[in-house]
C-alpha atoms as a PDB file:
ATOM      1  CA  UNK A   1      -3.363  77.614-155.769  1.00  0.00           C
ATOM      2  CA  UNK A   2      -0.051  79.433-156.318  1.00  0.00           C
ATOM      3  CA  UNK A   3       0.019  83.038-155.121  1.00  0.00           C
ATOM      4  CA  UNK A   4      -0.546  85.820-157.615  1.00  0.00           C
ATOM      5  CA  UNK A   5       0.969  89.151-156.829  1.00  0.00           C
ATOM      6  CA  UNK A   6       1.763  92.555-158.107  1.00  0.00           C
ATOM      7  CA  UNK A   7       5.443  93.445-158.208  1.00  0.00           C
ATOM      8  CA  UNK A   8       7.004  95.524-155.484  1.00  0.00           C
ATOM      9  CA  UNK A   9       5.123  98.715-155.990  1.00  0.00           C
ATOM     10  CA  UNK A  10       6.818 101.958-155.047  1.00  0.00           C
ATOM     11  CA  UNK A  11       9.824 103.339-153.284  1.00  0.00           C
ATOM     12  CA  UNK A  12      10.964 106.895-152.837  1.00  0.00           C
ATOM     13  CA  UNK A  13      14.734 106.676-152.455  1.00  0.00           C
ATOM     14  CA  UNK A  14      16.509 107.778-149.322  1.00  0.00           C
ATOM     15  CA  UNK A  15      18.453 111.041-149.390  1.00  0.00           C
ATOM     16  CA  UNK A  16      21.726 109.238-150.103  1.00  0.00           C
ATOM     17  CA  UNK A  17      20.244 107.700-153.268  1.00  0.00           C
ATOM     18  CA  UNK A  18      20.670 104.149-151.978  1.00  0.00           C
ATOM     19  CA  UNK A  19      17.806 101.781-152.619  1.00  0.00           C
ATOM     20  CA  UNK A  20      16.403  99.373-150.040  1.00  0.00           C
ATOM     21  CA  UNK A  21      17.881  96.040-151.193  1.00  0.00           C
ATOM     22  CA  UNK A  22      17.219  94.079-147.967  1.00  0.00           C
ATOM     23  CA  UNK A  23      13.544  95.080-147.983  1.00  0.00           C
ATOM     24  CA  UNK A  24      13.138  94.470-151.710  1.00  0.00           C
ATOM     25  CA  UNK A  25      14.635  90.993-151.328  1.00  0.00           C
ATOM     26  CA  UNK A  26      12.330  90.119-148.441  1.00  0.00           C
ATOM     27  CA  UNK A  27       9.297  91.384-150.352  1.00  0.00           C
ATOM     28  CA  UNK A  28      10.318  89.427-153.440  1.00  0.00           C
ATOM     29  CA  UNK A  29      10.145  86.307-151.271  1.00  0.00           C
ATOM     30  CA  UNK A  30       6.976  87.415-149.430  1.00  0.00           C
ATOM     31  CA  UNK A  31       4.923  84.262-150.112  1.00  0.00           C
ATOM     32  CA  UNK A  32       7.522  82.242-148.170  1.00  0.00           C
ATOM     33  CA  UNK A  33       7.153  84.548-145.158  1.00  0.00           C
ATOM     34  CA  UNK A  34       3.349  84.498-144.859  1.00  0.00           C
ATOM     35  CA  UNK A  35       1.339  81.853-143.001  1.00  0.00           C
ATOM     36  CA  UNK A  36      -2.411  81.555-142.598  1.00  0.00           C
ATOM     37  CA  UNK A  37      -3.252  79.910-139.263  1.00  0.00           C
ATOM     38  CA  UNK A  38      -5.360  80.452-136.178  1.00  0.00           C
ATOM     39  CA  UNK A  39      -4.698  83.410-133.901  1.00  0.00           C
ATOM     40  CA  UNK A  40      -3.174  81.097-131.282  1.00  0.00           C
ATOM     41  CA  UNK A  41      -0.848  79.466-133.818  1.00  0.00           C
ATOM     42  CA  UNK A  42       0.353  82.846-135.135  1.00  0.00           C
ATOM     43  CA  UNK A  43       1.332  84.284-131.747  1.00  0.00           C
ATOM     44  CA  UNK A  44       5.024  84.118-132.712  1.00  0.00           C
ATOM     45  CA  UNK A  45       4.603  86.114-135.958  1.00  0.00           C
ATOM     46  CA  UNK A  46       6.529  89.367-136.356  1.00  0.00           C
ATOM     47  CA  UNK A  47       3.178  90.989-137.145  1.00  0.00           C
ATOM     48  CA  UNK A  48      -0.212  89.648-138.157  1.00  0.00           C
ATOM     49  CA  UNK A  49      -3.621  90.492-139.505  1.00  0.00           C
ATOM     50  CA  UNK A  50      -6.805  89.006-138.073  1.00  0.00           C
ATOM     51  CA  UNK A  51      -9.590  87.910-140.430  1.00  0.00           C
ATOM     52  CA  UNK A  52     -13.317  87.915-139.648  1.00  0.00           C
ATOM     53  CA  UNK A  53     -13.488  84.100-139.887  1.00  0.00           C
ATOM     54  CA  UNK A  54     -10.962  83.628-137.062  1.00  0.00           C
ATOM     55  CA  UNK A  55      -7.887  83.001-139.204  1.00  0.00           C
ATOM     56  CA  UNK A  56      -4.731  85.078-138.911  1.00  0.00           C
ATOM     57  CA  UNK A  57      -2.160  85.900-141.545  1.00  0.00           C
ATOM     58  CA  UNK A  58       1.259  86.075-139.934  1.00  0.00           C
ATOM     59  CA  UNK A  59       4.506  87.582-141.251  1.00  0.00           C
ATOM     60  CA  UNK A  60       7.538  85.443-140.391  1.00  0.00           C
ATOM     61  CA  UNK A  61      10.464  87.148-142.135  1.00  0.00           C
ATOM     62  CA  UNK A  62      13.511  88.173-140.119  1.00  0.00           C
ATOM     63  CA  UNK A  63      13.472  91.747-138.840  1.00  0.00           C
ATOM     64  CA  UNK A  64      15.395  94.276-140.903  1.00  0.00           C
ATOM     65  CA  UNK A  65      17.245  96.850-138.763  1.00  0.00           C
ATOM     66  CA  UNK A  66      15.999 100.371-139.442  1.00  0.00           C
ATOM     67  CA  UNK A  67      12.703  99.216-140.978  1.00  0.00           C
ATOM     68  CA  UNK A  68       9.179  98.791-139.645  1.00  0.00           C
ATOM     69  CA  UNK A  69       6.736  96.313-141.192  1.00  0.00           C
ATOM     70  CA  UNK A  70       2.939  96.071-141.293  1.00  0.00           C
ATOM     71  CA  UNK A  71       0.586  93.626-142.962  1.00  0.00           C
ATOM     72  CA  UNK A  72      -3.119  93.565-143.680  1.00  0.00           C
ATOM     73  CA  UNK A  73      -5.206  90.764-145.125  1.00  0.00           C
ATOM     74  CA  UNK A  74      -8.812  90.567-146.268  1.00  0.00           C
ATOM     75  CA  UNK A  75     -11.041  87.811-147.619  1.00  0.00           C
ATOM     76  CA  UNK A  76     -11.299  88.749-151.283  1.00  0.00           C
ATOM     77  CA  UNK A  77     -14.050  86.210-151.955  1.00  0.00           C
ATOM     78  CA  UNK A  78     -16.560  88.312-150.031  1.00  0.00           C
ATOM     79  CA  UNK A  79     -18.429  91.240-151.513  1.00  0.00           C
ATOM     80  CA  UNK A  80     -17.202  94.791-151.101  1.00  0.00           C
ATOM     81  CA  UNK A  81     -19.526  96.452-148.566  1.00  0.00           C
ATOM     82  CA  UNK A  82     -21.894  98.694-150.518  1.00  0.00           C
ATOM     83  CA  UNK A  83     -21.178 101.849-148.468  1.00  0.00           C
ATOM     84  CA  UNK A  84     -17.423 101.429-149.082  1.00  0.00           C
ATOM     85  CA  UNK A  85     -17.981 100.625-152.771  1.00  0.00           C
ATOM     86  CA  UNK A  86     -19.978 103.856-153.169  1.00  0.00           C
ATOM     87  CA  UNK A  87     -17.235 105.835-151.456  1.00  0.00           C
ATOM     88  CA  UNK A  88     -14.127 104.231-152.980  1.00  0.00           C
ATOM     89  CA  UNK A  89     -15.277 102.200-155.998  1.00  0.00           C
ATOM     90  CA  UNK A  90     -15.039  98.441-156.546  1.00  0.00           C
ATOM     91  CA  UNK A  91     -12.031  98.299-158.891  1.00  0.00           C
ATOM     92  CA  UNK A  92      -9.129  96.544-157.115  1.00  0.00           C
ATOM     93  CA  UNK A  93     -10.890  97.395-153.863  1.00  0.00           C
ATOM     94  CA  UNK A  94      -9.270  94.777-151.605  1.00  0.00           C
ATOM     95  CA  UNK A  95      -5.749  95.525-152.874  1.00  0.00           C
ATOM     96  CA  UNK A  96      -6.271  99.260-152.302  1.00  0.00           C
ATOM     97  CA  UNK A  97      -7.921  98.598-148.928  1.00  0.00           C
ATOM     98  CA  UNK A  98      -5.106  96.408-147.568  1.00  0.00           C
ATOM     99  CA  UNK A  99      -2.473  98.835-148.830  1.00  0.00           C
ATOM    100  CA  UNK A 100      -4.211 101.797-147.135  1.00  0.00           C
ATOM    101  CA  UNK A 101      -4.528  99.789-143.904  1.00  0.00           C
ATOM    102  CA  UNK A 102      -0.797  99.045-143.935  1.00  0.00           C
ATOM    103  CA  UNK A 103       0.196 102.627-144.659  1.00  0.00           C
ATOM    104  CA  UNK A 104      -2.116 103.876-141.899  1.00  0.00           C
ATOM    105  CA  UNK A 105      -0.555 101.383-139.478  1.00  0.00           C
ATOM    106  CA  UNK A 106       2.977 102.454-140.441  1.00  0.00           C
ATOM    107  CA  UNK A 107       2.150 106.123-139.832  1.00  0.00           C
ATOM    108  CA  UNK A 108       0.139 105.446-136.654  1.00  0.00           C
ATOM    109  CA  UNK A 109      -2.867 107.156-138.232  1.00  0.00           C
ATOM    110  CA  UNK A 110      -6.349 105.713-137.580  1.00  0.00           C
ATOM    111  CA  UNK A 111      -7.771 104.270-140.793  1.00  0.00           C
ATOM    112  CA  UNK A 112     -10.806 106.609-140.672  1.00  0.00           C
ATOM    113  CA  UNK A 113      -8.432 109.582-140.588  1.00  0.00           C
ATOM    114  CA  UNK A 114      -6.435 108.075-143.461  1.00  0.00           C
ATOM    115  CA  UNK A 115      -9.665 107.799-145.529  1.00  0.00           C
ATOM    116  CA  UNK A 116     -10.457 111.467-144.910  1.00  0.00           C
ATOM    117  CA  UNK A 117      -6.977 112.536-145.990  1.00  0.00           C
ATOM    118  CA  UNK A 118      -6.209 110.091-148.817  1.00  0.00           C
ATOM    119  CA  UNK A 119      -9.155 107.790-149.507  1.00  0.00           C
ATOM    120  CA  UNK A 120      -7.610 104.468-150.514  1.00  0.00           C
ATOM    121  CA  UNK A 121      -4.859 106.140-152.523  1.00  0.00           C
ATOM    122  CA  UNK A 122      -1.143 106.342-151.851  1.00  0.00           C
ATOM    123  CA  UNK A 123      -0.139 109.971-151.340  1.00  0.00           C
ATOM    124  CA  UNK A 124       2.513 111.509-153.603  1.00  0.00           C
ATOM    125  CA  UNK A 125       6.027 111.363-152.185  1.00  0.00           C
ATOM    126  CA  UNK A 126       5.314 108.141-150.319  1.00  0.00           C
ATOM    127  CA  UNK A 127       8.527 106.601-148.984  1.00  0.00           C
ATOM    128  CA  UNK A 128       7.189 103.125-148.344  1.00  0.00           C
ATOM    129  CA  UNK A 129       7.854  99.866-150.081  1.00  0.00           C
ATOM    130  CA  UNK A 130       5.060  97.335-150.360  1.00  0.00           C
ATOM    131  CA  UNK A 131       3.819  94.239-152.109  1.00  0.00           C
ATOM    132  CA  UNK A 132       0.248  93.046-152.523  1.00  0.00           C
ATOM    133  CA  UNK A 133      -0.401  89.346-153.078  1.00  0.00           C
ATOM    134  CA  UNK A 134      -3.403  87.130-153.656  1.00  0.00           C
ATOM    135  CA  UNK A 135      -3.129  83.923-151.632  1.00  0.00           C
ATOM    136  CA  UNK A 136      -6.062  81.592-152.334  1.00  0.00           C
ATOM    137  CA  UNK A 137      -9.113  83.584-151.127  1.00  0.00           C
ATOM    138  CA  UNK A 138      -7.072  86.350-149.477  1.00  0.00           C
ATOM    139  CA  UNK A 139      -5.550  89.638-150.563  1.00  0.00           C
ATOM    140  CA  UNK A 140      -2.507  90.462-148.422  1.00  0.00           C
ATOM    141  CA  UNK A 141      -0.344  93.572-148.430  1.00  0.00           C
ATOM    142  CA  UNK A 142       3.043  93.711-146.713  1.00  0.00           C
ATOM    143  CA  UNK A 143       4.539  97.196-146.334  1.00  0.00           C
ATOM    144  CA  UNK A 144       7.762  98.618-144.923  1.00  0.00           C
ATOM    145  CA  UNK A 145       8.890 102.083-143.927  1.00  0.00           C
ATOM    146  CA  UNK A 146      12.299 103.214-142.765  1.00  0.00           C
ATOM    147  CA  UNK A 147      12.628 104.114-139.095  1.00  0.00           C
ATOM    148  CA  UNK A 148      16.252 105.191-138.921  1.00  0.00           C
ATOM    149  CA  UNK A 149      18.651 107.082-141.159  1.00  0.00           C
ATOM    150  CA  UNK A 150      16.741 106.104-144.339  1.00  0.00           C
ATOM    151  CA  UNK A 151      13.643 107.926-143.141  1.00  0.00           C
ATOM    152  CA  UNK A 152      12.717 111.148-144.870  1.00  0.00           C
END
């Protein structure tokens, strides 16, 4: 099944007004940089996300100087846990969940703290660039944040 995806979602421009062309280009080609394998087979990934069934989704794009990357993947074929559905709703749950996981990882904030502050929403003024894709039975978000001079 070919991947479905939402377009690159949001970017708050750096102070100099320059956009993030290297990151946007890598995200545009995201399906080429993702592999679903076992944990052992994905040991060489730049970053990875472990699934409950033992699979791993690995990110294999070249590093981009001045940028940090995170990914999160979830099995979208499973039901949304009822406690989480009551708290956050079911609409686009897995896309919102993986995005929040990535943003929490990029800010070094525990996901439970992120939920208390933002729920599964992206806070205003967010300076991250991300893409969410559906790959077969998985929803995967790849997100970047600037670490150097582009950082706000």
